[in-house]
């Protein structure tokens, strides 16, 4: 019998995504599975005006930090430890 050991949960922070978290948690509990969150973002998502003030690498680093913070916040609110 094949058991689910890992669940990959794509996260886009939408209301439907947040609502799905309860089902993902329940499935993980039933199967004793590990949940991995994944969020894809555009590293170079910016408006051209930002490039007059900062370098492309600075803008990209800021975008990455913002996405990481948002993902960590989602993780803490929807999948708290304990």
PDB file of N, CA and C in Angstrom:
ATOM      1  N   UNK A   1       0.845  -1.183   0.000  1.00  0.00           N
ATOM      2  CA  UNK A   1       0.000   0.000   0.000  1.00  0.00           C
ATOM      3  C   UNK A   1       0.890   1.246   0.000  1.00  0.00           C
ATOM      4  N   UNK A   2       0.614   2.158  -0.900  1.00  0.00           N
ATOM      5  CA  UNK A   2       1.378   3.391  -1.004  1.00  0.00           C
ATOM      6  C   UNK A   2       0.838   4.413  -0.018  1.00  0.00           C
ATOM      7  N   UNK A   3       1.737   4.965   0.761  1.00  0.00           N
ATOM      8  CA  UNK A   3       1.348   5.995   1.730  1.00  0.00           C
ATOM      9  C   UNK A   3       1.874   7.343   1.265  1.00  0.00           C
ATOM     10  N   UNK A   4       1.167   8.370   1.601  1.00  0.00           N
ATOM     11  CA  UNK A   4       1.615   9.725   1.305  1.00  0.00           C
ATOM     12  C   UNK A   4       2.561  10.143   2.410  1.00  0.00           C
ATOM     13  N   UNK A   5       3.790  10.453   2.036  1.00  0.00           N
ATOM     14  CA  UNK A   5       4.794  10.860   3.009  1.00  0.00           C
ATOM     15  C   UNK A   5       5.053  12.363   2.989  1.00  0.00           C
ATOM     16  N   UNK A   6       4.881  12.956   1.827  1.00  0.00           N
ATOM     17  CA  UNK A   6       5.131  14.389   1.664  1.00  0.00           C
ATOM     18  C   UNK A   6       3.988  15.026   0.893  1.00  0.00           C
ATOM     19  N   UNK A   7       3.596  16.220   1.318  1.00  0.00           N
ATOM     20  CA  UNK A   7       2.565  16.997   0.621  1.00  0.00           C
ATOM     21  C   UNK A   7       3.199  18.329   0.224  1.00  0.00           C
ATOM     22  N   UNK A   8       3.173  18.628  -1.059  1.00  0.00           N
ATOM     23  CA  UNK A   8       3.668  19.903  -1.563  1.00  0.00           C
ATOM     24  C   UNK A   8       2.471  20.837  -1.696  1.00  0.00           C
ATOM     25  N   UNK A   9       2.494  21.925  -0.951  1.00  0.00           N
ATOM     26  CA  UNK A   9       1.366  22.864  -0.912  1.00  0.00           C
ATOM     27  C   UNK A   9       1.795  24.181  -1.555  1.00  0.00           C
ATOM     28  N   UNK A  10       1.357  24.435  -2.807  1.00  0.00           N
ATOM     29  CA  UNK A  10       1.676  25.710  -3.449  1.00  0.00           C
ATOM     30  C   UNK A  10       0.862  26.829  -2.802  1.00  0.00           C
ATOM     31  N   UNK A  11       1.535  27.913  -2.480  1.00  0.00           N
ATOM     32  CA  UNK A  11       0.915  29.003  -1.727  1.00  0.00           C
ATOM     33  C   UNK A  11       0.937  30.286  -2.560  1.00  0.00           C
ATOM     34  N   UNK A  12      -0.239  30.900  -2.717  1.00  0.00           N
ATOM     35  CA  UNK A  12      -0.306  32.194  -3.404  1.00  0.00           C
ATOM     36  C   UNK A  12      -0.958  33.272  -2.529  1.00  0.00           C
ATOM     37  N   UNK A  13      -1.263  32.928  -1.283  1.00  0.00           N
ATOM     38  CA  UNK A  13      -1.793  33.841  -0.271  1.00  0.00           C
ATOM     39  C   UNK A  13      -3.212  34.329  -0.554  1.00  0.00           C
ATOM     40  N   UNK A  14      -3.892  33.698  -1.481  1.00  0.00           N
ATOM     41  CA  UNK A  14      -5.280  34.069  -1.779  1.00  0.00           C
ATOM     42  C   UNK A  14      -6.195  33.511  -0.691  1.00  0.00           C
ATOM     43  N   UNK A  15      -7.428  34.016  -0.604  1.00  0.00           N
ATOM     44  CA  UNK A  15      -8.373  33.475   0.376  1.00  0.00           C
ATOM     45  C   UNK A  15      -8.625  31.977   0.177  1.00  0.00           C
ATOM     46  N   UNK A  16      -8.697  31.524  -1.061  1.00  0.00           N
ATOM     47  CA  UNK A  16      -8.934  30.093  -1.298  1.00  0.00           C
ATOM     48  C   UNK A  16      -7.725  29.264  -0.876  1.00  0.00           C
ATOM     49  N   UNK A  17      -6.536  29.808  -1.021  1.00  0.00           N
ATOM     50  CA  UNK A  17      -5.327  29.119  -0.569  1.00  0.00           C
ATOM     51  C   UNK A  17      -5.336  28.996   0.954  1.00  0.00           C
ATOM     52  N   UNK A  18      -5.671  30.069   1.632  1.00  0.00           N
ATOM     53  CA  UNK A  18      -5.732  30.045   3.096  1.00  0.00           C
ATOM     54  C   UNK A  18      -6.787  29.051   3.571  1.00  0.00           C
ATOM     55  N   UNK A  19      -7.918  28.977   2.862  1.00  0.00           N
ATOM     56  CA  UNK A  19      -8.976  28.037   3.231  1.00  0.00           C
ATOM     57  C   UNK A  19      -8.524  26.598   3.009  1.00  0.00           C
ATOM     58  N   UNK A  20      -7.702  26.366   2.010  1.00  0.00           N
ATOM     59  CA  UNK A  20      -7.218  25.022   1.709  1.00  0.00           C
ATOM     60  C   UNK A  20      -6.230  24.517   2.755  1.00  0.00           C
ATOM     61  N   UNK A  21      -5.621  25.415   3.508  1.00  0.00           N
ATOM     62  CA  UNK A  21      -4.626  25.027   4.514  1.00  0.00           C
ATOM     63  C   UNK A  21      -5.197  24.030   5.517  1.00  0.00           C
ATOM     64  N   UNK A  22      -6.442  24.202   5.907  1.00  0.00           N
ATOM     65  CA  UNK A  22      -7.059  23.276   6.864  1.00  0.00           C
ATOM     66  C   UNK A  22      -7.125  21.856   6.298  1.00  0.00           C
ATOM     67  N   UNK A  23      -7.431  21.723   5.007  1.00  0.00           N
ATOM     68  CA  UNK A  23      -7.498  20.414   4.377  1.00  0.00           C
ATOM     69  C   UNK A  23      -6.109  19.788   4.254  1.00  0.00           C
ATOM     70  N   UNK A  24      -5.124  20.620   3.960  1.00  0.00           N
ATOM     71  CA  UNK A  24      -3.746  20.129   3.859  1.00  0.00           C
ATOM     72  C   UNK A  24      -3.275  19.641   5.230  1.00  0.00           C
ATOM     73  N   UNK A  25      -3.568  20.414   6.277  1.00  0.00           N
ATOM     74  CA  UNK A  25      -3.193  19.993   7.633  1.00  0.00           C
ATOM     75  C   UNK A  25      -3.866  18.676   8.003  1.00  0.00           C
ATOM     76  N   UNK A  26      -5.124  18.535   7.669  1.00  0.00           N
ATOM     77  CA  UNK A  26      -5.869  17.315   7.998  1.00  0.00           C
ATOM     78  C   UNK A  26      -5.287  16.114   7.254  1.00  0.00           C
ATOM     79  N   UNK A  27      -5.007  16.284   5.966  1.00  0.00           N
ATOM     80  CA  UNK A  27      -4.424  15.190   5.188  1.00  0.00           C
ATOM     81  C   UNK A  27      -3.062  14.805   5.754  1.00  0.00           C
ATOM     82  N   UNK A  28      -2.277  15.783   6.144  1.00  0.00           N
ATOM     83  CA  UNK A  28      -0.962  15.506   6.728  1.00  0.00           C
ATOM     84  C   UNK A  28      -1.108  14.735   8.030  1.00  0.00           C
ATOM     85  N   UNK A  29      -2.094  15.094   8.833  1.00  0.00           N
ATOM     86  CA  UNK A  29      -2.323  14.391  10.095  1.00  0.00           C
ATOM     87  C   UNK A  29      -2.771  12.949   9.859  1.00  0.00           C
ATOM     88  N   UNK A  30      -3.646  12.754   8.897  1.00  0.00           N
ATOM     89  CA  UNK A  30      -4.149  11.407   8.598  1.00  0.00           C
ATOM     90  C   UNK A  30      -3.012  10.490   8.146  1.00  0.00           C
ATOM     91  N   UNK A  31      -2.165  10.993   7.275  1.00  0.00           N
ATOM     92  CA  UNK A  31      -1.104  10.167   6.700  1.00  0.00           C
ATOM     93  C   UNK A  31       0.224  10.267   7.444  1.00  0.00           C
ATOM     94  N   UNK A  32       0.295  11.161   8.426  1.00  0.00           N
ATOM     95  CA  UNK A  32       1.572  11.376   9.090  1.00  0.00           C
ATOM     96  C   UNK A  32       2.598  11.947   8.128  1.00  0.00           C
ATOM     97  N   UNK A  33       2.127  12.785   7.219  1.00  0.00           N
ATOM     98  CA  UNK A  33       2.974  13.315   6.153  1.00  0.00           C
ATOM     99  C   UNK A  33       3.598  14.652   6.538  1.00  0.00           C
ATOM    100  N   UNK A  34       4.662  14.951   5.866  1.00  0.00           N
ATOM    101  CA  UNK A  34       5.347  16.235   6.016  1.00  0.00           C
ATOM    102  C   UNK A  34       4.784  17.192   4.972  1.00  0.00           C
ATOM    103  N   UNK A  35       4.555  18.438   5.358  1.00  0.00           N
ATOM    104  CA  UNK A  35       4.033  19.453   4.443  1.00  0.00           C
ATOM    105  C   UNK A  35       5.162  20.414   4.082  1.00  0.00           C
ATOM    106  N   UNK A  36       5.315  20.638   2.786  1.00  0.00           N
ATOM    107  CA  UNK A  36       6.280  21.614   2.294  1.00  0.00           C
ATOM    108  C   UNK A  36       5.511  22.704   1.562  1.00  0.00           C
ATOM    109  N   UNK A  37       5.718  23.947   1.977  1.00  0.00           N
ATOM    110  CA  UNK A  37       5.092  25.077   1.301  1.00  0.00           C
ATOM    111  C   UNK A  37       6.022  25.568   0.199  1.00  0.00           C
ATOM    112  N   UNK A  38       5.447  25.948  -0.917  1.00  0.00           N
ATOM    113  CA  UNK A  38       6.232  26.524  -2.003  1.00  0.00           C
ATOM    114  C   UNK A  38       5.491  27.748  -2.528  1.00  0.00           C
ATOM    115  N   UNK A  39       6.245  28.816  -2.741  1.00  0.00           N
ATOM    116  CA  UNK A  39       5.678  30.048  -3.299  1.00  0.00           C
ATOM    117  C   UNK A  39       6.593  30.510  -4.423  1.00  0.00           C
ATOM    118  N   UNK A  40       6.036  30.735  -5.577  1.00  0.00           N
ATOM    119  CA  UNK A  40       6.795  31.198  -6.728  1.00  0.00           C
ATOM    120  C   UNK A  40       6.517  32.685  -6.894  1.00  0.00           C
ATOM    121  N   UNK A  41       7.577  33.447  -7.082  1.00  0.00           N
ATOM    122  CA  UNK A  41       7.401  34.875  -7.308  1.00  0.00           C
ATOM    123  C   UNK A  41       8.356  35.327  -8.390  1.00  0.00           C
ATOM    124  N   UNK A  42       8.050  36.450  -8.975  1.00  0.00           N
ATOM    125  CA  UNK A  42       8.881  37.027 -10.035  1.00  0.00           C
ATOM    126  C   UNK A  42       9.971  37.857  -9.381  1.00  0.00           C
ATOM    127  N   UNK A  43      11.179  37.358  -9.412  1.00  0.00           N
ATOM    128  CA  UNK A  43      12.309  38.011  -8.767  1.00  0.00           C
ATOM    129  C   UNK A  43      12.523  39.427  -9.293  1.00  0.00           C
ATOM    130  N   UNK A  44      12.137  39.644 -10.528  1.00  0.00           N
ATOM    131  CA  UNK A  44      12.369  40.954 -11.136  1.00  0.00           C
ATOM    132  C   UNK A  44      11.071  41.721 -11.364  1.00  0.00           C
ATOM    133  N   UNK A  45      10.099  41.468 -10.511  1.00  0.00           N
ATOM    134  CA  UNK A  45       8.838  42.190 -10.587  1.00  0.00           C
ATOM    135  C   UNK A  45       9.026  43.571  -9.961  1.00  0.00           C
ATOM    136  N   UNK A  46       8.977  44.569 -10.780  1.00  0.00           N
ATOM    137  CA  UNK A  46       9.193  45.929 -10.298  1.00  0.00           C
ATOM    138  C   UNK A  46       8.726  46.902 -11.377  1.00  0.00           C
ATOM    139  N   UNK A  47       8.628  48.140 -10.988  1.00  0.00           N
ATOM    140  CA  UNK A  47       8.351  49.138 -12.002  1.00  0.00           C
ATOM    141  C   UNK A  47       9.680  49.785 -12.381  1.00  0.00           C
ATOM    142  N   UNK A  48       9.747  50.307 -13.565  1.00  0.00           N
ATOM    143  CA  UNK A  48      11.000  50.847 -14.095  1.00  0.00           C
ATOM    144  C   UNK A  48      11.527  52.005 -13.253  1.00  0.00           C
ATOM    145  N   UNK A  49      10.662  52.722 -12.585  1.00  0.00           N
ATOM    146  CA  UNK A  49      11.083  53.865 -11.774  1.00  0.00           C
ATOM    147  C   UNK A  49      12.041  53.438 -10.663  1.00  0.00           C
ATOM    148  N   UNK A  50      11.840  52.240 -10.107  1.00  0.00           N
ATOM    149  CA  UNK A  50      12.723  51.756  -9.042  1.00  0.00           C
ATOM    150  C   UNK A  50      14.167  51.647  -9.514  1.00  0.00           C
ATOM    151  N   UNK A  51      14.365  51.346 -10.786  1.00  0.00           N
ATOM    152  CA  UNK A  51      15.721  51.156 -11.306  1.00  0.00           C
ATOM    153  C   UNK A  51      16.485  52.470 -11.451  1.00  0.00           C
ATOM    154  N   UNK A  52      15.798  53.601 -11.372  1.00  0.00           N
ATOM    155  CA  UNK A  52      16.489  54.890 -11.394  1.00  0.00           C
ATOM    156  C   UNK A  52      17.130  55.173 -10.040  1.00  0.00           C
ATOM    157  N   UNK A  53      16.597  54.563  -8.999  1.00  0.00           N
ATOM    158  CA  UNK A  53      17.058  54.826  -7.640  1.00  0.00           C
ATOM    159  C   UNK A  53      18.000  53.742  -7.138  1.00  0.00           C
ATOM    160  N   UNK A  54      17.719  52.482  -7.521  1.00  0.00           N
ATOM    161  CA  UNK A  54      18.499  51.349  -7.009  1.00  0.00           C
ATOM    162  C   UNK A  54      18.885  50.413  -8.151  1.00  0.00           C
ATOM    163  N   UNK A  55      19.869  49.571  -7.872  1.00  0.00           N
ATOM    164  CA  UNK A  55      20.291  48.602  -8.881  1.00  0.00           C
ATOM    165  C   UNK A  55      19.277  47.459  -8.970  1.00  0.00           C
ATOM    166  N   UNK A  56      19.342  46.750 -10.080  1.00  0.00           N
ATOM    167  CA  UNK A  56      18.446  45.618 -10.294  1.00  0.00           C
ATOM    168  C   UNK A  56      18.640  44.561  -9.214  1.00  0.00           C
ATOM    169  N   UNK A  57      19.856  44.312  -8.805  1.00  0.00           N
ATOM    170  CA  UNK A  57      20.103  43.303  -7.769  1.00  0.00           C
ATOM    171  C   UNK A  57      19.503  43.721  -6.428  1.00  0.00           C
ATOM    172  N   UNK A  58      19.515  45.006  -6.110  1.00  0.00           N
ATOM    173  CA  UNK A  58      18.897  45.482  -4.861  1.00  0.00           C
ATOM    174  C   UNK A  58      17.388  45.309  -4.896  1.00  0.00           C
ATOM    175  N   UNK A  59      16.785  45.619  -6.024  1.00  0.00           N
ATOM    176  CA  UNK A  59      15.338  45.467  -6.181  1.00  0.00           C
ATOM    177  C   UNK A  59      14.959  43.989  -6.085  1.00  0.00           C
ATOM    178  N   UNK A  60      15.724  43.126  -6.748  1.00  0.00           N
ATOM    179  CA  UNK A  60      15.452  41.689  -6.709  1.00  0.00           C
ATOM    180  C   UNK A  60      15.604  41.139  -5.298  1.00  0.00           C
ATOM    181  N   UNK A  61      16.630  41.579  -4.577  1.00  0.00           N
ATOM    182  CA  UNK A  61      16.827  41.121  -3.198  1.00  0.00           C
ATOM    183  C   UNK A  61      15.665  41.558  -2.309  1.00  0.00           C
ATOM    184  N   UNK A  62      15.186  42.778  -2.507  1.00  0.00           N
ATOM    185  CA  UNK A  62      14.042  43.249  -1.731  1.00  0.00           C
ATOM    186  C   UNK A  62      12.802  42.402  -2.032  1.00  0.00           C
ATOM    187  N   UNK A  63      12.573  42.083  -3.305  1.00  0.00           N
ATOM    188  CA  UNK A  63      11.424  41.255  -3.689  1.00  0.00           C
ATOM    189  C   UNK A  63      11.520  39.876  -3.033  1.00  0.00           C
ATOM    190  N   UNK A  64      12.714  39.306  -3.019  1.00  0.00           N
ATOM    191  CA  UNK A  64      12.912  37.994  -2.408  1.00  0.00           C
ATOM    192  C   UNK A  64      12.647  38.060  -0.906  1.00  0.00           C
ATOM    193  N   UNK A  65      13.131  39.087  -0.242  1.00  0.00           N
ATOM    194  CA  UNK A  65      12.909  39.232   1.201  1.00  0.00           C
ATOM    195  C   UNK A  65      11.429  39.414   1.528  1.00  0.00           C
ATOM    196  N   UNK A  66      10.730  40.202   0.722  1.00  0.00           N
ATOM    197  CA  UNK A  66       9.293  40.396   0.931  1.00  0.00           C
ATOM    198  C   UNK A  66       8.528  39.084   0.765  1.00  0.00           C
ATOM    199  N   UNK A  67       8.877  38.317  -0.264  1.00  0.00           N
ATOM    200  CA  UNK A  67       8.207  37.031  -0.494  1.00  0.00           C
ATOM    201  C   UNK A  67       8.504  36.065   0.647  1.00  0.00           C
ATOM    202  N   UNK A  68       9.745  36.031   1.118  1.00  0.00           N
ATOM    203  CA  UNK A  68      10.118  35.144   2.228  1.00  0.00           C
ATOM    204  C   UNK A  68       9.348  35.522   3.494  1.00  0.00           C
ATOM    205  N   UNK A  69       9.258  36.820   3.779  1.00  0.00           N
ATOM    206  CA  UNK A  69       8.524  37.277   4.967  1.00  0.00           C
ATOM    207  C   UNK A  69       7.051  36.902   4.883  1.00  0.00           C
ATOM    208  N   UNK A  70       6.474  37.065   3.708  1.00  0.00           N
ATOM    209  CA  UNK A  70       5.061  36.733   3.524  1.00  0.00           C
ATOM    210  C   UNK A  70       4.829  35.229   3.687  1.00  0.00           C
ATOM    211  N   UNK A  71       5.736  34.426   3.155  1.00  0.00           N
ATOM    212  CA  UNK A  71       5.623  32.979   3.291  1.00  0.00           C
ATOM    213  C   UNK A  71       5.789  32.551   4.750  1.00  0.00           C
ATOM    214  N   UNK A  72       6.741  33.140   5.444  1.00  0.00           N
ATOM    215  CA  UNK A  72       6.938  32.821   6.862  1.00  0.00           C
ATOM    216  C   UNK A  72       5.721  33.207   7.695  1.00  0.00           C
ATOM    217  N   UNK A  73       5.115  34.341   7.381  1.00  0.00           N
ATOM    218  CA  UNK A  73       3.909  34.779   8.080  1.00  0.00           C
ATOM    219  C   UNK A  73       2.758  33.792   7.843  1.00  0.00           C
ATOM    220  N   UNK A  74       2.609  33.343   6.599  1.00  0.00           N
ATOM    221  CA  UNK A  74       1.574  32.360   6.263  1.00  0.00           C
ATOM    222  C   UNK A  74       1.831  31.062   7.018  1.00  0.00           C
ATOM    223  N   UNK A  75       3.072  30.638   7.040  1.00  0.00           N
ATOM    224  CA  UNK A  75       3.440  29.414   7.744  1.00  0.00           C
ATOM    225  C   UNK A  75       3.098  29.508   9.227  1.00  0.00           C
ATOM    226  N   UNK A  76       3.426  30.604   9.860  1.00  0.00           N
ATOM    227  CA  UNK A  76       3.150  30.773  11.287  1.00  0.00           C
ATOM    228  C   UNK A  76       1.662  30.850  11.578  1.00  0.00           C
ATOM    229  N   UNK A  77       0.900  31.485  10.696  1.00  0.00           N
ATOM    230  CA  UNK A  77      -0.536  31.617  10.963  1.00  0.00           C
ATOM    231  C   UNK A  77      -1.321  30.360  10.625  1.00  0.00           C
ATOM    232  N   UNK A  78      -0.940  29.649   9.571  1.00  0.00           N
ATOM    233  CA  UNK A  78      -1.717  28.486   9.122  1.00  0.00           C
ATOM    234  C   UNK A  78      -1.159  27.147   9.606  1.00  0.00           C
ATOM    235  N   UNK A  79       0.142  27.102   9.902  1.00  0.00           N
ATOM    236  CA  UNK A  79       0.776  25.868  10.349  1.00  0.00           C
ATOM    237  C   UNK A  79       1.635  26.115  11.578  1.00  0.00           C
ATOM    238  N   UNK A  80       1.025  26.595  12.659  1.00  0.00           N
ATOM    239  CA  UNK A  80       1.816  26.881  13.864  1.00  0.00           C
ATOM    240  C   UNK A  80       2.397  25.597  14.447  1.00  0.00           C
ATOM    241  N   UNK A  81       3.553  25.721  15.034  1.00  0.00           N
ATOM    242  CA  UNK A  81       4.185  24.563  15.681  1.00  0.00           C
ATOM    243  C   UNK A  81       3.452  24.242  16.976  1.00  0.00           C
ATOM    244  N   UNK A  82       3.406  22.970  17.287  1.00  0.00           N
ATOM    245  CA  UNK A  82       2.785  22.548  18.542  1.00  0.00           C
ATOM    246  C   UNK A  82       1.402  22.188  18.321  1.00  0.00           C
TER     247      UNK A  82
END
